[in-house]
């Protein structure tokens, strides 16, 4: 064991806080590509040649493929222990594949002849893209357990991760709505929009990956891997973990249903609610800017106060209840309030804050902040599940934990674009997606409310149910750390 000042004894090892902040950028690097791919339906229907329902089916198929590859890549991670560490090689390889495959998607595909050949080519490149996505994503979860196991420090990943993601998705929404959509006269009319979009995502994601690699460098060593000893892992171990690790079972149930709701909030849904129902698409970005600071405050409250003092399980339960109540109230507000009165300073026609604007702001800040807590805290909770498996069976399988979690998570959340496309097709949008010029209808409003808040609420209900059976309380994790420390001492 290292004698570093960050190894505190009692089985606890820490890391400088800036390294947690830097390591969290690995997830942000992949989320940048996720944000780009939220607009893929416009690209598929405009330049690949698929209709709306088939575009939704395509996204579902690719997400399933993404999930299917997870256990195999997780197995490779668990078997890796070279001079470049267990995690860093996958961060670099994954980001290179993401940049290369997405470049081919947006620059090469449209140059192919229209028809089956172009569609098949796009499918193949997308399949490769998702292999790169899994390579990099698995590290977000697998490296959690070696970066730190201090119960007061591990949840800090959630704070940084949630703040970064809010900046990315809020700033990205402003960028798309106020700059790209204006510059290129809509989202699906000029392929140059996707070329510029890709260039920015690829450059920033590459920079974030480099920072993340540097940040975990000193902790990506065997002494911080499980019991500190080399081990032999087989696929048989994976089935044993799935069968007997109740903690990961409950976390998967919670996170996958949560992700289904979050994934349903596509760019199209945002456009429906703000451009068509509220009547001003530019408000979508501006409103998110207004609510971001408030969201950050509640994330710090939910994680910095609750999780670090009382454990991650209690943070998940409390934040899920608060977010659920807030989402139900927002559904009622959009259904029975006056969305056309939504306006903000700096926008045409603003004469003061309406009741709808103030109520939506308060509910979005509170519910959105705690929803970020429940959605993001599952990542450090995965590290707890990995430690619990070492405690339970003596096996250190963070790659399995991360990719098993991702596999079922993606399998369920892959239904989101398909559900959205079915809902839209049911009200007449079978060949084209709603755009800023689409006229308002009550049916569009109902679909928008359901996809924006309804599926999220269902996921939050599952959170509460799953946590009733999740065994890793703060007290149980203290016992886990002590046993692992005893094993390491015996091995030493």
Protein backbone atom coordinates (compact mmCIF):
# COMPACT_ATOMS: atom_id res chain seq x y z
CA UNK A 1 0.00 0.00 0.00
CA UNK A 2 1.14 3.54 -0.75
CA UNK A 3 2.16 5.82 2.08
CA UNK A 4 0.64 8.82 0.33
CA UNK A 5 -0.94 11.49 2.52
CA UNK A 6 -4.18 10.63 0.74
CA UNK A 7 -4.19 7.08 2.17
CA UNK A 8 -5.83 7.68 5.54
CA UNK A 9 -5.88 4.20 7.04
CA UNK A 10 -8.98 2.17 8.00
CA UNK A 11 -9.16 1.14 4.35
CA UNK A 12 -9.85 4.71 3.16
CA UNK A 13 -7.88 6.36 0.37
CA UNK A 14 -8.56 9.81 -1.01
CA UNK A 15 -7.48 11.96 -3.93
CA UNK A 16 -7.05 15.74 -4.39
CA UNK A 17 -10.45 17.23 -5.21
CA UNK A 18 -9.21 18.69 -8.48
CA UNK A 19 -8.56 15.18 -9.75
CA UNK A 20 -12.18 14.20 -9.13
CA UNK A 21 -13.24 17.34 -11.02
CA UNK A 22 -10.91 16.45 -13.90
CA UNK A 23 -11.89 12.78 -13.96
CA UNK A 24 -15.59 13.73 -14.19
CA UNK A 25 -14.84 15.34 -17.57
CA UNK A 26 -14.55 11.83 -19.04
CA UNK A 27 -18.30 11.51 -18.74
CA UNK A 28 -18.77 15.02 -20.11
CA UNK A 29 -16.64 14.09 -23.12
CA UNK A 30 -19.01 11.26 -24.04
CA UNK A 31 -22.08 13.32 -23.15
CA UNK A 32 -21.04 15.88 -25.75
CA UNK A 33 -21.46 13.17 -28.37
CA UNK A 34 -24.73 12.13 -26.75
CA UNK A 35 -25.96 15.72 -27.09
CA UNK A 36 -24.94 15.77 -30.76
CA UNK A 37 -26.78 12.50 -31.36
CA UNK A 38 -29.98 13.93 -29.87
CA UNK A 39 -30.37 15.68 -33.22
CA UNK A 40 -29.62 12.59 -35.30
CA UNK A 41 -33.29 12.09 -36.25
CA UNK A 42 -33.15 15.31 -38.29
CA UNK A 43 -30.02 14.05 -40.04
CA UNK A 44 -31.44 10.57 -40.66
CA UNK A 45 -34.70 11.84 -42.16
CA UNK A 46 -32.93 14.55 -44.17
CA UNK A 47 -29.78 12.90 -45.55
CA UNK A 48 -29.86 9.15 -44.84
CA UNK A 49 -33.33 8.47 -46.19
CA UNK A 50 -35.44 7.05 -43.34
CA UNK A 51 -38.93 8.12 -42.20
CA UNK A 52 -39.78 9.29 -38.68
CA UNK A 53 -40.81 5.89 -37.25
CA UNK A 54 -37.87 4.13 -38.89
CA UNK A 55 -35.56 6.84 -37.56
CA UNK A 56 -36.86 6.15 -34.06
CA UNK A 57 -36.43 2.42 -34.62
CA UNK A 58 -32.86 3.00 -35.83
CA UNK A 59 -31.97 4.81 -32.60
CA UNK A 60 -33.49 1.98 -30.57
CA UNK A 61 -31.55 -0.68 -32.51
CA UNK A 62 -28.27 1.19 -32.09
CA UNK A 63 -28.82 1.63 -28.35
CA UNK A 64 -29.51 -2.10 -28.02
CA UNK A 65 -26.31 -2.83 -29.97
CA UNK A 66 -24.50 -0.42 -27.67
CA UNK A 67 -25.79 -2.37 -24.68
CA UNK A 68 -24.97 -5.78 -26.16
CA UNK A 69 -21.30 -4.81 -26.59
CA UNK A 70 -21.04 -3.59 -22.98
CA UNK A 71 -20.38 -6.90 -21.14
CA UNK A 72 -17.66 -7.90 -23.61
CA UNK A 73 -15.86 -4.57 -23.29
CA UNK A 74 -16.30 -4.69 -19.50
CA UNK A 75 -14.68 -8.12 -19.54
CA UNK A 76 -11.69 -6.70 -21.42
CA UNK A 77 -11.37 -3.89 -18.87
CA UNK A 78 -11.43 -6.34 -15.95
CA UNK A 79 -8.70 -8.42 -17.63
CA UNK A 80 -6.51 -5.35 -18.36
CA UNK A 81 -3.70 -4.37 -16.00
CA UNK A 82 -0.74 -3.06 -18.02
CA UNK A 83 1.83 -0.31 -17.65
CA UNK A 84 -0.71 2.23 -18.90
CA UNK A 85 -3.20 1.20 -16.23
CA UNK A 86 -6.61 -0.43 -16.39
CA UNK A 87 -8.68 2.54 -17.48
CA UNK A 88 -6.64 5.13 -19.39
CA UNK A 89 -6.20 3.12 -22.62
CA UNK A 90 -9.96 2.78 -23.02
CA UNK A 91 -10.52 6.51 -22.57
CA UNK A 92 -8.13 7.37 -25.38
CA UNK A 93 -9.16 4.58 -27.76
CA UNK A 94 -12.84 5.29 -27.17
CA UNK A 95 -12.56 9.00 -27.92
CA UNK A 96 -10.55 8.39 -31.10
CA UNK A 97 -13.21 5.96 -32.36
CA UNK A 98 -16.01 8.41 -31.49
CA UNK A 99 -14.38 11.25 -33.39
CA UNK A 100 -13.49 9.13 -36.43
CA UNK A 101 -16.82 7.31 -36.77
CA UNK A 102 -18.95 10.42 -36.29
CA UNK A 103 -16.82 12.26 -38.87
CA UNK A 104 -17.56 9.52 -41.40
CA UNK A 105 -21.26 9.60 -40.48
CA UNK A 106 -21.68 13.29 -41.21
CA UNK A 107 -19.16 13.84 -44.00
CA UNK A 108 -19.04 10.60 -46.00
CA UNK A 109 -22.57 9.15 -45.79
CA UNK A 110 -24.34 11.94 -47.78
CA UNK A 111 -21.89 11.46 -50.68
CA UNK A 112 -23.03 7.85 -51.24
CA UNK A 113 -25.83 6.99 -53.70
CA UNK A 114 -29.30 7.20 -52.21
CA UNK A 115 -30.99 3.99 -51.18
CA UNK A 116 -30.14 0.79 -49.35
CA UNK A 117 -26.37 1.13 -49.73
CA UNK A 118 -26.33 4.51 -47.98
CA UNK A 119 -28.58 3.24 -45.16
CA UNK A 120 -26.47 0.09 -44.67
CA UNK A 121 -23.26 2.11 -44.61
CA UNK A 122 -24.72 4.45 -42.00
CA UNK A 123 -25.76 1.48 -39.83
CA UNK A 124 -22.27 -0.04 -39.95
CA UNK A 125 -20.50 3.21 -39.09
CA UNK A 126 -22.95 3.81 -36.26
CA UNK A 127 -22.24 0.33 -34.87
CA UNK A 128 -18.53 1.18 -34.77
CA UNK A 129 -19.32 4.56 -33.22
CA UNK A 130 -21.11 2.89 -30.31
CA UNK A 131 -18.20 0.54 -29.67
CA UNK A 132 -16.04 3.64 -29.14
CA UNK A 133 -18.76 5.15 -26.97
CA UNK A 134 -18.77 2.06 -24.74
CA UNK A 135 -14.95 1.97 -24.54
CA UNK A 136 -14.89 5.46 -23.06
CA UNK A 137 -18.11 5.26 -21.05
CA UNK A 138 -17.10 2.12 -19.16
CA UNK A 139 -14.25 4.05 -17.51
CA UNK A 140 -16.69 6.57 -16.04
CA UNK A 141 -18.00 3.76 -13.85
CA UNK A 142 -15.08 1.32 -13.62
CA UNK A 143 -12.51 3.89 -12.41
CA UNK A 144 -14.82 5.20 -9.67
CA UNK A 145 -13.73 2.50 -7.24
CA UNK A 146 -9.99 3.18 -7.60
CA UNK A 147 -10.11 7.00 -7.62
CA UNK A 148 -11.41 7.24 -4.04
CA UNK A 149 -13.44 5.21 -1.56
CA UNK A 150 -13.88 7.94 1.04
CA UNK A 151 -17.65 8.17 1.69
CA UNK A 152 -17.39 11.94 2.10
CA UNK A 153 -15.49 12.31 -1.18
CA UNK A 154 -16.91 9.74 -3.60
CA UNK A 155 -20.25 11.59 -4.02
CA UNK A 156 -18.36 14.71 -5.15
CA UNK A 157 -18.14 13.14 -8.60
CA UNK A 158 -21.89 13.66 -8.84
CA UNK A 159 -21.58 17.37 -8.05
CA UNK A 160 -18.98 18.00 -10.75
CA UNK A 161 -20.63 15.67 -13.25
CA UNK A 162 -24.08 17.20 -12.83
CA UNK A 163 -22.74 20.75 -13.09
CA UNK A 164 -20.73 19.94 -16.21
CA UNK A 165 -23.72 18.24 -17.80
CA UNK A 166 -26.03 21.14 -17.06
CA UNK A 167 -23.53 23.52 -18.62
CA UNK A 168 -23.18 21.26 -21.67
CA UNK A 169 -26.87 20.59 -22.21
CA UNK A 170 -28.02 24.09 -21.27
CA UNK A 171 -25.29 25.88 -23.17
CA UNK A 172 -25.70 23.42 -26.02
CA UNK A 173 -29.43 24.08 -26.22
CA UNK A 174 -28.78 27.82 -26.35
CA UNK A 175 -26.11 27.28 -29.00
CA UNK A 176 -28.41 25.17 -31.18
CA UNK A 177 -31.57 27.25 -30.75
CA UNK A 178 -30.02 30.71 -30.86
CA UNK A 179 -27.10 30.15 -33.24
CA UNK A 180 -27.19 26.97 -35.36
CA UNK A 181 -30.97 26.89 -35.98
CA UNK A 182 -30.90 30.59 -36.89
CA UNK A 183 -27.75 30.41 -39.03
CA UNK A 184 -28.95 27.38 -41.01
CA UNK A 185 -32.69 28.23 -41.12
CA UNK A 186 -33.84 25.26 -39.00
CA UNK A 187 -32.46 21.94 -37.83
CA UNK A 188 -32.92 19.74 -40.88
CA UNK A 189 -32.41 21.98 -43.90
CA UNK A 190 -28.63 22.42 -44.31
CA UNK A 191 -26.04 19.69 -43.79
CA UNK A 192 -23.45 22.35 -42.96
CA UNK A 193 -25.16 22.61 -39.55
CA UNK A 194 -24.04 19.08 -38.68
CA UNK A 195 -20.54 19.70 -40.01
CA UNK A 196 -20.04 22.71 -37.74
CA UNK A 197 -21.75 20.93 -34.84
CA UNK A 198 -19.45 17.90 -35.22
CA UNK A 199 -16.26 19.99 -35.36
CA UNK A 200 -17.02 21.72 -32.04
CA UNK A 201 -18.03 18.49 -30.27
CA UNK A 202 -14.96 16.56 -31.47
CA UNK A 203 -12.46 19.24 -30.41
CA UNK A 204 -13.97 19.89 -26.96
CA UNK A 205 -14.52 16.20 -26.23
CA UNK A 206 -10.90 15.44 -27.10
CA UNK A 207 -9.69 18.17 -24.73
CA UNK A 208 -11.89 16.89 -21.89
CA UNK A 209 -10.62 13.34 -22.42
CA UNK A 210 -7.00 14.51 -22.13
CA UNK A 211 -7.77 16.28 -18.83
CA UNK A 212 -9.54 13.18 -17.48
CA UNK A 213 -6.60 10.91 -18.38
CA UNK A 214 -4.17 13.19 -16.54
CA UNK A 215 -6.50 13.40 -13.54
CA UNK A 216 -6.74 9.65 -12.82
CA UNK A 217 -3.13 8.83 -13.76
CA UNK A 218 -1.71 8.26 -10.21
CA UNK A 219 -4.72 6.19 -9.04
CA UNK A 220 -4.94 3.93 -12.09
CA UNK A 221 -2.66 1.36 -10.41
CA UNK A 222 -3.10 -2.16 -9.05
CA UNK A 223 -2.76 -1.15 -5.40
CA UNK A 224 -6.10 0.63 -5.75
CA UNK A 225 -7.82 -2.24 -7.60
CA UNK A 226 -10.00 -4.30 -5.25
CA UNK A 227 -7.81 -6.42 -2.96
CA UNK A 228 -4.60 -5.10 -4.54
CA UNK A 229 -3.78 -8.47 -6.09
CA UNK A 230 -3.87 -9.86 -9.63
CA UNK A 231 -6.93 -12.00 -10.25
CA UNK A 232 -8.43 -14.39 -12.78
CA UNK A 233 -11.87 -13.40 -14.11
CA UNK A 234 -14.10 -15.60 -16.25
CA UNK A 235 -17.55 -15.13 -17.77
CA UNK A 236 -18.84 -17.58 -15.16
CA UNK A 237 -18.05 -14.95 -12.51
CA UNK A 238 -20.31 -12.51 -14.35
CA UNK A 239 -23.35 -14.77 -14.06
CA UNK A 240 -22.59 -15.33 -10.38
CA UNK A 241 -22.48 -11.57 -9.76
CA UNK A 242 -25.73 -10.96 -11.62
CA UNK A 243 -27.43 -13.67 -9.58
CA UNK A 244 -26.19 -12.72 -6.12
CA UNK A 245 -25.34 -9.01 -5.99
CA UNK A 246 -28.63 -7.49 -4.91
CA UNK A 247 -27.16 -3.98 -4.79
CA UNK A 248 -26.40 -3.86 -8.53
CA UNK A 249 -29.78 -5.44 -9.32
CA UNK A 250 -31.66 -2.66 -7.55
CA UNK A 251 -29.40 0.06 -8.93
CA UNK A 252 -30.01 -1.16 -12.49
CA UNK A 253 -33.79 -1.13 -11.93
CA UNK A 254 -33.60 2.41 -10.60
CA UNK A 255 -31.23 3.85 -13.18
CA UNK A 256 -32.68 2.20 -16.29
CA UNK A 257 -36.20 3.48 -15.67
CA UNK A 258 -34.77 6.89 -14.78
CA UNK A 259 -32.83 6.91 -18.03
CA UNK A 260 -35.91 5.99 -20.06
CA UNK A 261 -37.58 9.20 -18.93
CA UNK A 262 -34.50 11.35 -19.36
CA UNK A 263 -33.84 9.92 -22.84
CA UNK A 264 -37.38 10.75 -23.92
CA UNK A 265 -36.58 14.46 -23.53
CA UNK A 266 -35.16 14.67 -27.03
CA UNK A 267 -34.44 17.82 -29.00
CA UNK A 268 -37.79 17.29 -30.74
CA UNK A 269 -39.67 17.29 -27.43
CA UNK A 270 -37.95 20.53 -26.38
CA UNK A 271 -38.91 22.05 -29.72
CA UNK A 272 -42.55 20.96 -29.29
CA UNK A 273 -42.86 22.48 -25.82
CA UNK A 274 -41.12 25.80 -26.48
CA UNK A 275 -41.51 26.48 -30.22
CA UNK A 276 -45.02 25.08 -30.73
CA UNK A 277 -46.78 25.09 -27.33
CA UNK A 278 -45.15 28.19 -25.82
CA UNK A 279 -44.59 29.85 -29.20
CA UNK A 280 -40.90 30.83 -28.93
CA UNK A 281 -38.12 28.28 -29.50
CA UNK A 282 -35.36 30.70 -28.42
CA UNK A 283 -36.89 30.63 -24.92
CA UNK A 284 -35.75 27.01 -24.49
CA UNK A 285 -32.10 27.99 -24.21
CA UNK A 286 -32.68 31.19 -22.28
CA UNK A 287 -34.94 29.47 -19.75
CA UNK A 288 -32.34 26.79 -19.10
CA UNK A 289 -29.73 29.48 -18.45
CA UNK A 290 -32.01 31.07 -15.85
CA UNK A 291 -32.60 27.77 -14.08
CA UNK A 292 -29.04 26.39 -14.19
CA UNK A 293 -27.69 28.35 -11.23
CA UNK A 294 -30.66 27.28 -9.11
CA UNK A 295 -30.20 23.67 -10.19
CA UNK A 296 -26.55 23.79 -9.09
CA UNK A 297 -27.56 24.99 -5.63
CA UNK A 298 -29.91 22.05 -5.16
CA UNK A 299 -27.35 19.58 -6.50
CA UNK A 300 -24.84 20.81 -3.93
CA UNK A 301 -27.54 20.56 -1.26
CA UNK A 302 -28.60 17.07 -2.35
CA UNK A 303 -25.09 15.66 -2.69
CA UNK A 304 -22.88 17.91 -0.61
CA UNK A 305 -25.13 17.77 2.43
CA UNK A 306 -27.29 14.65 2.24
CA UNK A 307 -25.06 12.15 0.42
CA UNK A 308 -21.80 12.99 2.17
CA UNK A 309 -23.39 12.98 5.62
CA UNK A 310 -26.05 10.28 5.42
CA UNK A 311 -25.02 8.11 2.47
CA UNK A 312 -25.85 7.90 -1.21
CA UNK A 313 -28.93 5.73 -0.71
CA UNK A 314 -30.71 8.40 1.36
CA UNK A 315 -29.73 11.04 -1.18
CA UNK A 316 -31.30 8.95 -3.95
CA UNK A 317 -34.58 8.41 -2.06
CA UNK A 318 -35.09 12.00 -0.93
CA UNK A 319 -34.11 13.55 -4.26
CA UNK A 320 -36.43 11.15 -6.13
CA UNK A 321 -39.44 12.12 -3.99
CA UNK A 322 -38.83 15.85 -4.41
CA UNK A 323 -38.26 15.52 -8.17
CA UNK A 324 -41.41 13.37 -8.54
CA UNK A 325 -43.63 15.93 -6.84
CA UNK A 326 -42.10 18.71 -8.94
CA UNK A 327 -42.64 16.86 -12.23
CA UNK A 328 -46.28 16.13 -11.42
CA UNK A 329 -46.85 19.82 -10.66
CA UNK A 330 -45.16 20.83 -13.95
CA UNK A 331 -47.43 18.50 -15.90
CA UNK A 332 -50.44 20.18 -14.32
CA UNK A 333 -48.97 23.62 -14.99
CA UNK A 334 -48.44 23.00 -18.71
CA UNK A 335 -51.83 21.28 -19.03
CA UNK A 336 -53.96 23.92 -17.30
CA UNK A 337 -51.77 27.03 -17.29
CA UNK A 338 -51.02 29.51 -20.06
CA UNK A 339 -47.75 28.49 -21.80
CA UNK A 340 -48.09 31.39 -24.25
CA UNK A 341 -47.42 33.75 -21.33
CA UNK A 342 -43.94 32.25 -20.86
CA UNK A 343 -41.43 35.03 -21.54
CA UNK A 344 -38.13 36.34 -20.25
CA UNK A 345 -36.21 39.62 -20.29
CA UNK A 346 -34.48 40.21 -23.60
CA UNK A 347 -37.17 38.47 -25.64
CA UNK A 348 -39.72 40.22 -27.82
CA UNK A 349 -42.95 41.15 -26.05
CA UNK A 350 -41.63 40.85 -22.48
CA UNK A 351 -43.60 43.12 -20.15
CA UNK A 352 -43.07 41.33 -16.84
CA UNK A 353 -42.97 37.89 -15.28
CA UNK A 354 -46.23 35.93 -15.62
CA UNK A 355 -47.50 33.39 -13.09
CA UNK A 356 -46.68 30.60 -15.56
CA UNK A 357 -43.09 31.79 -15.96
CA UNK A 358 -42.46 32.14 -12.21
CA UNK A 359 -44.12 28.81 -11.34
CA UNK A 360 -42.26 26.95 -14.08
CA UNK A 361 -38.98 28.52 -13.00
CA UNK A 362 -39.39 27.51 -9.34
CA UNK A 363 -40.50 23.96 -10.14
CA UNK A 364 -37.76 23.47 -12.74
CA UNK A 365 -35.07 24.69 -10.34
CA UNK A 366 -36.15 22.51 -7.43
CA UNK A 367 -37.30 19.40 -9.33
CA UNK A 368 -34.54 19.68 -11.93
CA UNK A 369 -31.81 20.03 -9.32
CA UNK A 370 -32.90 16.99 -7.33
CA UNK A 371 -33.60 15.05 -10.52
CA UNK A 372 -29.97 15.63 -11.47
CA UNK A 373 -28.97 14.20 -8.09
CA UNK A 374 -31.04 11.03 -8.51
CA UNK A 375 -29.88 10.60 -12.10
CA UNK A 376 -26.16 11.19 -11.55
CA UNK A 377 -25.54 9.68 -8.13
CA UNK A 378 -25.97 6.19 -9.60
CA UNK A 379 -22.44 6.50 -11.02
CA UNK A 380 -20.60 6.65 -7.65
CA UNK A 381 -23.15 4.16 -6.34
CA UNK A 382 -21.85 1.74 -8.99
CA UNK A 383 -18.45 2.01 -7.32
CA UNK A 384 -20.09 1.04 -4.03
CA UNK A 385 -21.55 -2.03 -5.78
CA UNK A 386 -18.08 -2.95 -7.06
CA UNK A 387 -16.62 -2.65 -3.56
CA UNK A 388 -19.52 -4.69 -2.22
CA UNK A 389 -18.74 -7.46 -4.72
CA UNK A 390 -15.11 -7.53 -3.58
CA UNK A 391 -16.39 -7.76 0.02
CA UNK A 392 -18.93 -10.45 -0.92
CA UNK A 393 -16.91 -12.71 -3.23
CA UNK A 394 -13.35 -11.41 -3.27
CA UNK A 395 -13.67 -10.50 -6.98
CA UNK A 396 -12.82 -7.02 -8.24
CA UNK A 397 -14.94 -6.53 -11.38
CA UNK A 398 -15.56 -2.79 -11.90
CA UNK A 399 -15.73 -3.31 -15.66
CA UNK A 400 -18.52 -5.83 -15.16
CA UNK A 401 -20.34 -3.51 -12.76
CA UNK A 402 -20.12 -0.58 -15.12
CA UNK A 403 -21.02 -2.42 -18.30
CA UNK A 404 -23.66 -4.71 -16.76
CA UNK A 405 -25.26 -1.59 -15.41
CA UNK A 406 -24.93 0.13 -18.80
CA UNK A 407 -26.22 -2.89 -20.73
CA UNK A 408 -29.59 -3.08 -18.99
CA UNK A 409 -29.72 0.70 -18.63
CA UNK A 410 -29.31 1.13 -22.40
CA UNK A 411 -31.64 -1.76 -23.19
CA UNK A 412 -34.48 0.00 -21.38
CA UNK A 413 -33.58 3.57 -22.35
CA UNK A 414 -33.26 2.51 -26.01
CA UNK A 415 -37.04 2.41 -26.02
CA UNK A 416 -37.22 6.20 -25.50
CA UNK A 417 -36.73 7.40 -29.12
CA UNK A 418 -38.99 4.59 -30.31
CA UNK A 419 -41.70 5.56 -27.82
CA UNK A 420 -41.34 9.20 -28.88
CA UNK A 421 -41.60 8.34 -32.58
CA UNK A 422 -44.66 6.13 -31.97
CA UNK A 423 -46.35 8.92 -30.01
CA UNK A 424 -45.64 11.40 -32.82
CA UNK A 425 -46.73 8.98 -35.52
CA UNK A 426 -49.98 8.39 -33.64
CA UNK A 427 -50.89 12.06 -34.05
CA UNK A 428 -49.90 12.26 -37.72
CA UNK A 429 -46.12 12.78 -37.85
CA UNK A 430 -45.15 9.67 -39.79
CA UNK A 431 -42.81 11.06 -42.45
CA UNK A 432 -41.40 14.33 -41.04
CA UNK A 433 -40.51 15.58 -37.55
CA UNK A 434 -42.23 18.62 -35.99
CA UNK A 435 -40.23 21.78 -36.68
CA UNK A 436 -40.38 25.42 -35.63
CA UNK A 437 -43.00 26.11 -38.32
CA UNK A 438 -45.36 23.29 -37.26
CA UNK A 439 -48.76 24.67 -36.11
CA UNK A 440 -49.98 24.10 -32.54
CA UNK A 441 -52.44 21.32 -31.72
CA UNK A 442 -53.76 19.91 -28.41
CA UNK A 443 -52.43 16.49 -29.44
CA UNK A 444 -48.89 17.82 -29.81
CA UNK A 445 -49.18 19.48 -26.41
CA UNK A 446 -50.32 16.23 -24.76
CA UNK A 447 -47.49 14.23 -26.37
CA UNK A 448 -44.97 16.91 -25.36
CA UNK A 449 -46.10 16.90 -21.72
CA UNK A 450 -45.99 13.10 -21.53
CA UNK A 451 -42.51 12.85 -23.06
CA UNK A 452 -41.13 15.80 -21.10
CA UNK A 453 -42.47 14.93 -17.64
CA UNK A 454 -44.61 11.78 -17.65
CA UNK A 455 -41.95 9.15 -18.37
CA UNK A 456 -39.58 10.90 -15.96
CA UNK A 457 -42.17 10.61 -13.19
CA UNK A 458 -42.56 6.88 -13.81
CA UNK A 459 -38.79 6.46 -13.52
CA UNK A 460 -38.69 8.37 -10.24
CA UNK A 461 -41.38 6.10 -8.79
CA UNK A 462 -39.21 3.08 -9.65
CA UNK A 463 -36.27 4.80 -7.89
CA UNK A 464 -38.17 4.90 -4.62
CA UNK A 465 -39.30 1.27 -4.95
CA UNK A 466 -35.80 -0.03 -5.84
CA UNK A 467 -34.12 1.79 -2.94
CA UNK A 468 -36.33 -0.05 -0.45
CA UNK A 469 -34.39 -3.20 -1.35
CA UNK A 470 -30.94 -1.65 -1.94
CA UNK A 471 -28.67 -2.98 0.86
CA UNK A 472 -25.75 -0.50 0.80
CA UNK A 473 -26.43 1.95 3.58
CA UNK A 474 -23.66 4.20 4.95
CA UNK A 475 -23.17 1.73 7.82
CA UNK A 476 -22.89 -1.25 5.46
CA UNK A 477 -20.28 0.53 3.32
CA UNK A 478 -18.13 1.17 6.41
CA UNK A 479 -18.17 -2.58 7.04
CA UNK A 480 -17.25 -3.22 3.38
CA UNK A 481 -14.23 -0.90 3.50
CA UNK A 482 -12.93 -2.46 6.72
CA UNK A 483 -13.11 -6.00 5.33
CA UNK A 484 -11.35 -5.03 2.07
CA UNK A 485 -8.61 -3.28 4.09
CA UNK A 486 -8.15 -6.46 6.15
CA UNK A 487 -7.81 -8.55 2.96
CA UNK A 488 -5.21 -6.14 1.56
CA UNK A 489 -3.26 -6.26 4.82
CA UNK A 490 -3.26 -10.05 4.77
CA UNK A 491 -2.13 -10.09 1.14
CA UNK A 492 0.66 -7.61 1.91
